Amino acid sequence: MVRIEFQMERLKFEVEQCVYRVENIKTEVSDQMKTNQQQLENGFETSVKEVSNVTSAVKAMLLELQDTVTPTIAFKARLNVNTAVVGGQTIVFPVLIFKEGDAYNTDTGQFTAPVSGMYTFSLAFCVYTNKLLTVKIMVEGTQYTASLFNGDGSSGRSSADTVAIVTAGKKVWVEVIPGGFETINANHSHRRLPYFSDGLALVTF
C-alpha cells in the first residue's frame, strides 16, 4: 500500500514537472513571437521611413533639375500696315510670326520676361528713301541700345540688336527717340518686313 502511494506521488510530481516545462515553453514561445512581431513592425516602420526619405530626396532633385533647365522663350512679331510714329511712342508689332512661351503682348508692344536670364533682342525697319527713324530698345525704362534707320534707297531695311540681362517680370519694348521719325514702311517686301524678336540665352534670329 505504501509502495503504491509512493509511486502515485512520484507520478504526480513528474506530471507537475511536465506541466511546468510546458508552461515555460509556452511563455518562451509567446515572448519570442512578441519579439519577432515587434522586430517586424520596427522593420516595416524603418522601411516606410526609408522609402519616404528616398521619395523626398527624389522630389527635391526633380525640383532642383527644373530650376536648372532653361525654358525655350522666343518670339518674332512684325508690323502689318505702314505706321506713322512720334517721339516717345512705343512701337507695337501686332502680328506674331512665331512664339515659344506667351511673353510678347501684341496689344502693348511689350515683352515680359517669364524667367530671369540673358536675352537677345533684334529689330529691323524699312524707312522710305531719304527719311530717318531713330529708336531705342528699352528694358524696364532703361535704354539698352539706340539705332538710326536711314532710308537710303538701297537695301530698304536695316537692323539692330542688343543683349540684356532681364529679371523675371521686367518689361522690354521698342521706343521712338524724338528728333528723327517718319512713317515706317510695313510693305517693302515679304523678305524685308519690319520686325521685333527675342530669344533667351543668346538665341539668334
Protein backbone atom coordinates (compact mmCIF):
# COMPACT_ATOMS: atom_id res chain seq x y z
CA MET A 1 0.00 0.00 0.00
CA VAL A 2 2.82 2.36 0.90
CA ARG A 3 4.59 1.49 -2.33
CA ILE A 4 1.56 2.38 -4.42
CA GLU A 5 1.21 5.73 -2.68
CA PHE A 6 4.88 6.43 -3.27
CA GLN A 7 4.50 5.70 -6.98
CA MET A 8 1.44 7.91 -7.16
CA GLU A 9 3.31 10.79 -5.54
CA ARG A 10 6.21 10.32 -7.91
CA LEU A 11 3.90 10.23 -10.91
CA LYS A 12 2.15 13.36 -9.68
CA PHE A 13 5.49 15.10 -9.29
CA GLU A 14 6.55 14.15 -12.80
CA VAL A 15 3.26 15.38 -14.25
CA GLU A 16 3.64 18.69 -12.43
CA GLN A 17 7.18 18.99 -13.80
CA CYS A 18 5.91 18.31 -17.29
CA VAL A 19 3.19 20.92 -16.88
CA TYR A 20 5.77 23.37 -15.56
CA ARG A 21 8.06 22.76 -18.53
CA VAL A 22 5.16 23.09 -20.94
CA GLU A 23 4.16 26.40 -19.38
CA ASN A 24 7.76 27.59 -19.64
CA ILE A 25 7.89 26.59 -23.27
CA LYS A 26 4.58 28.36 -23.92
CA THR A 27 5.94 31.50 -22.24
CA GLU A 28 9.16 31.36 -24.22
CA VAL A 29 7.30 30.86 -27.50
CA SER A 30 4.91 33.71 -26.68
CA ASP A 31 7.78 36.02 -25.77
CA GLN A 32 9.65 35.08 -28.95
CA MET A 33 6.58 35.69 -31.07
CA LYS A 34 6.11 39.10 -29.47
CA THR A 35 9.77 39.90 -30.09
CA ASN A 36 9.53 38.79 -33.71
CA GLN A 37 6.35 40.80 -34.21
CA GLN A 38 7.97 43.88 -32.69
CA GLN A 39 11.01 43.43 -34.91
CA LEU A 40 8.79 43.09 -37.94
CA GLU A 41 6.84 46.20 -37.00
CA ASN A 42 10.04 48.13 -36.35
CA GLY A 43 11.49 46.90 -39.62
CA PHE A 44 8.33 47.88 -41.51
CA GLU A 45 8.34 51.35 -39.94
CA THR A 46 12.01 51.74 -40.80
CA SER A 47 11.36 50.66 -44.38
CA VAL A 48 8.46 53.12 -44.68
CA LYS A 49 10.66 55.93 -43.35
CA GLU A 50 13.45 54.99 -45.73
CA VAL A 51 11.07 54.95 -48.70
CA SER A 52 9.66 58.30 -47.59
CA ASN A 53 13.16 59.75 -47.30
CA VAL A 54 14.09 58.47 -50.76
CA THR A 55 10.87 59.88 -52.22
CA SER A 56 11.54 63.28 -50.65
CA ALA A 57 15.11 63.23 -51.96
CA VAL A 58 13.91 62.40 -55.49
CA LYS A 59 11.32 65.19 -55.38
CA ALA A 60 13.98 67.65 -54.23
CA MET A 61 16.26 66.54 -57.07
CA LEU A 62 13.45 66.97 -59.60
CA LEU A 63 12.71 70.47 -58.32
CA GLU A 64 16.39 71.34 -58.49
CA LEU A 65 16.57 69.95 -62.01
CA GLN A 66 13.56 72.02 -63.05
CA ASP A 67 15.28 75.12 -61.73
CA THR A 68 18.37 74.42 -63.82
CA VAL A 69 16.57 73.65 -67.10
CA THR A 70 16.31 76.74 -69.30
CA PRO A 71 12.89 77.01 -70.94
CA THR A 72 12.51 77.92 -74.60
CA ILE A 73 11.37 81.53 -74.85
CA ALA A 74 11.27 83.23 -78.23
CA PHE A 75 9.06 85.32 -80.45
CA LYS A 76 9.10 87.26 -83.70
CA ALA A 77 6.49 89.89 -84.46
CA ARG A 78 6.03 92.35 -87.31
CA LEU A 79 4.04 95.35 -88.48
CA ASN A 80 1.11 94.79 -90.81
CA VAL A 81 0.44 98.36 -92.01
CA ASN A 82 2.51 101.45 -92.70
CA THR A 83 2.86 103.15 -89.33
CA ALA A 84 3.44 106.82 -88.56
CA VAL A 85 5.35 107.27 -85.30
CA VAL A 86 6.26 110.15 -83.00
CA GLY A 87 8.91 110.64 -80.31
CA GLY A 88 8.34 108.70 -77.11
CA GLN A 89 5.93 106.28 -78.77
CA THR A 90 6.15 102.54 -78.11
CA ILE A 91 6.10 100.72 -81.43
CA VAL A 92 3.63 97.85 -81.35
CA PHE A 93 4.21 94.88 -83.64
CA PRO A 94 0.72 93.32 -83.84
CA VAL A 95 1.40 90.23 -85.96
CA LEU A 96 3.18 87.27 -84.33
CA ILE A 97 5.18 85.24 -86.82
CA PHE A 98 6.01 82.65 -84.16
CA LYS A 99 6.33 82.35 -80.40
CA GLU A 100 7.60 79.95 -77.76
CA GLY A 101 6.07 80.98 -74.45
CA ASP A 102 3.49 83.73 -74.04
CA ALA A 103 5.83 86.66 -73.38
CA TYR A 104 5.14 89.28 -76.06
CA ASN A 105 1.96 91.34 -75.87
CA THR A 106 0.73 92.36 -79.33
CA ASP A 107 -1.58 94.97 -77.77
CA THR A 108 1.03 96.90 -75.78
CA GLY A 109 4.19 96.04 -77.73
CA GLN A 110 5.88 94.92 -74.53
CA PHE A 111 7.82 91.74 -73.87
CA THR A 112 7.64 90.48 -70.26
CA ALA A 113 10.46 88.14 -69.21
CA PRO A 114 8.94 84.89 -67.84
CA VAL A 115 12.24 83.91 -66.18
CA SER A 116 15.44 85.73 -65.31
CA GLY A 117 18.22 85.29 -67.84
CA MET A 118 20.28 86.73 -70.66
CA TYR A 119 18.19 87.68 -73.68
CA THR A 120 18.94 88.91 -77.19
CA PHE A 121 16.60 91.42 -78.82
CA SER A 122 16.65 92.17 -82.53
CA LEU A 123 14.65 94.57 -84.65
CA ALA A 124 14.55 95.79 -88.24
CA PHE A 125 12.75 98.63 -90.00
CA CYS A 126 12.05 99.72 -93.56
CA VAL A 127 12.13 103.51 -93.93
CA TYR A 128 11.21 105.48 -97.02
CA THR A 129 14.05 106.88 -99.13
CA ASN A 130 15.74 109.96 -97.60
CA LYS A 131 13.77 109.54 -94.38
CA LEU A 132 15.11 108.85 -90.87
CA LEU A 133 13.90 106.84 -87.93
CA THR A 134 15.67 106.67 -84.56
CA VAL A 135 14.57 104.12 -81.99
CA LYS A 136 15.85 102.54 -78.78
CA ILE A 137 15.31 99.21 -77.06
CA MET A 138 14.13 99.86 -73.51
CA VAL A 139 14.45 97.42 -70.61
CA GLU A 140 12.16 98.47 -67.75
CA GLY A 141 12.69 102.15 -68.57
CA THR A 142 16.45 101.90 -69.19
CA GLN A 143 17.84 102.40 -72.70
CA TYR A 144 19.97 99.44 -73.81
CA THR A 145 20.66 100.42 -77.42
CA ALA A 146 19.76 103.18 -79.85
CA SER A 147 19.73 102.88 -83.64
CA LEU A 148 19.32 105.22 -86.58
CA PHE A 149 17.47 103.82 -89.58
CA ASN A 150 18.11 105.74 -92.80
CA GLY A 151 16.05 105.17 -95.93
CA ASP A 152 18.96 105.27 -98.38
CA GLY A 153 17.11 103.67 -101.28
CA SER A 154 19.35 100.58 -101.41
CA SER A 155 18.57 97.66 -99.14
CA GLY A 156 15.45 99.27 -97.79
CA ARG A 157 15.77 97.63 -94.37
CA SER A 158 18.25 97.99 -91.52
CA SER A 159 18.50 96.01 -88.31
CA ALA A 160 19.80 96.41 -84.77
CA ASP A 161 20.15 94.16 -81.74
CA THR A 162 21.20 94.12 -78.10
CA VAL A 163 21.87 91.68 -75.30
CA ALA A 164 20.33 92.29 -71.88
CA ILE A 165 20.14 90.50 -68.55
CA VAL A 166 16.45 90.73 -67.70
CA THR A 167 14.89 89.80 -64.37
CA ALA A 168 11.66 87.80 -64.41
CA GLY A 169 8.67 90.14 -64.67
CA LYS A 170 10.62 93.04 -66.21
CA LYS A 171 9.40 94.51 -69.49
CA VAL A 172 11.18 95.27 -72.77
CA TRP A 173 9.90 97.42 -75.64
CA VAL A 174 10.93 99.49 -78.69
CA GLU A 175 10.54 103.24 -78.31
CA VAL A 176 10.87 106.08 -80.81
CA ILE A 177 13.56 108.68 -79.98
CA PRO A 178 12.44 112.30 -80.54
CA GLY A 179 14.23 114.08 -83.36
CA GLY A 180 14.08 111.72 -86.31
CA PHE A 181 10.91 109.84 -87.00
CA GLU A 182 8.83 109.08 -90.06
CA THR A 183 6.34 106.60 -91.37
CA ILE A 184 7.58 103.01 -91.16
CA ASN A 185 7.05 101.06 -94.36
CA ALA A 186 5.39 97.77 -93.49
CA ASN A 187 5.08 96.54 -97.10
CA HIS A 188 8.59 96.70 -98.52
CA SER A 189 8.71 93.03 -99.46
CA HIS A 190 7.90 89.65 -97.98
CA ARG A 191 11.55 89.12 -97.01
CA ARG A 192 12.14 92.61 -95.62
CA LEU A 193 9.25 93.27 -93.27
CA PRO A 194 9.91 95.32 -90.13
CA TYR A 195 10.10 93.01 -87.11
CA PHE A 196 10.94 92.73 -83.41
CA SER A 197 12.21 89.46 -81.97
CA ASP A 198 13.88 87.98 -78.91
CA GLY A 199 15.43 84.80 -77.59
CA LEU A 200 16.57 83.52 -74.19
CA ALA A 201 20.17 82.50 -73.63
CA LEU A 202 21.63 84.12 -76.74
CA VAL A 203 19.36 82.58 -79.33
CA THR A 204 19.84 84.49 -82.61
CA PHE A 205 17.41 85.13 -85.41
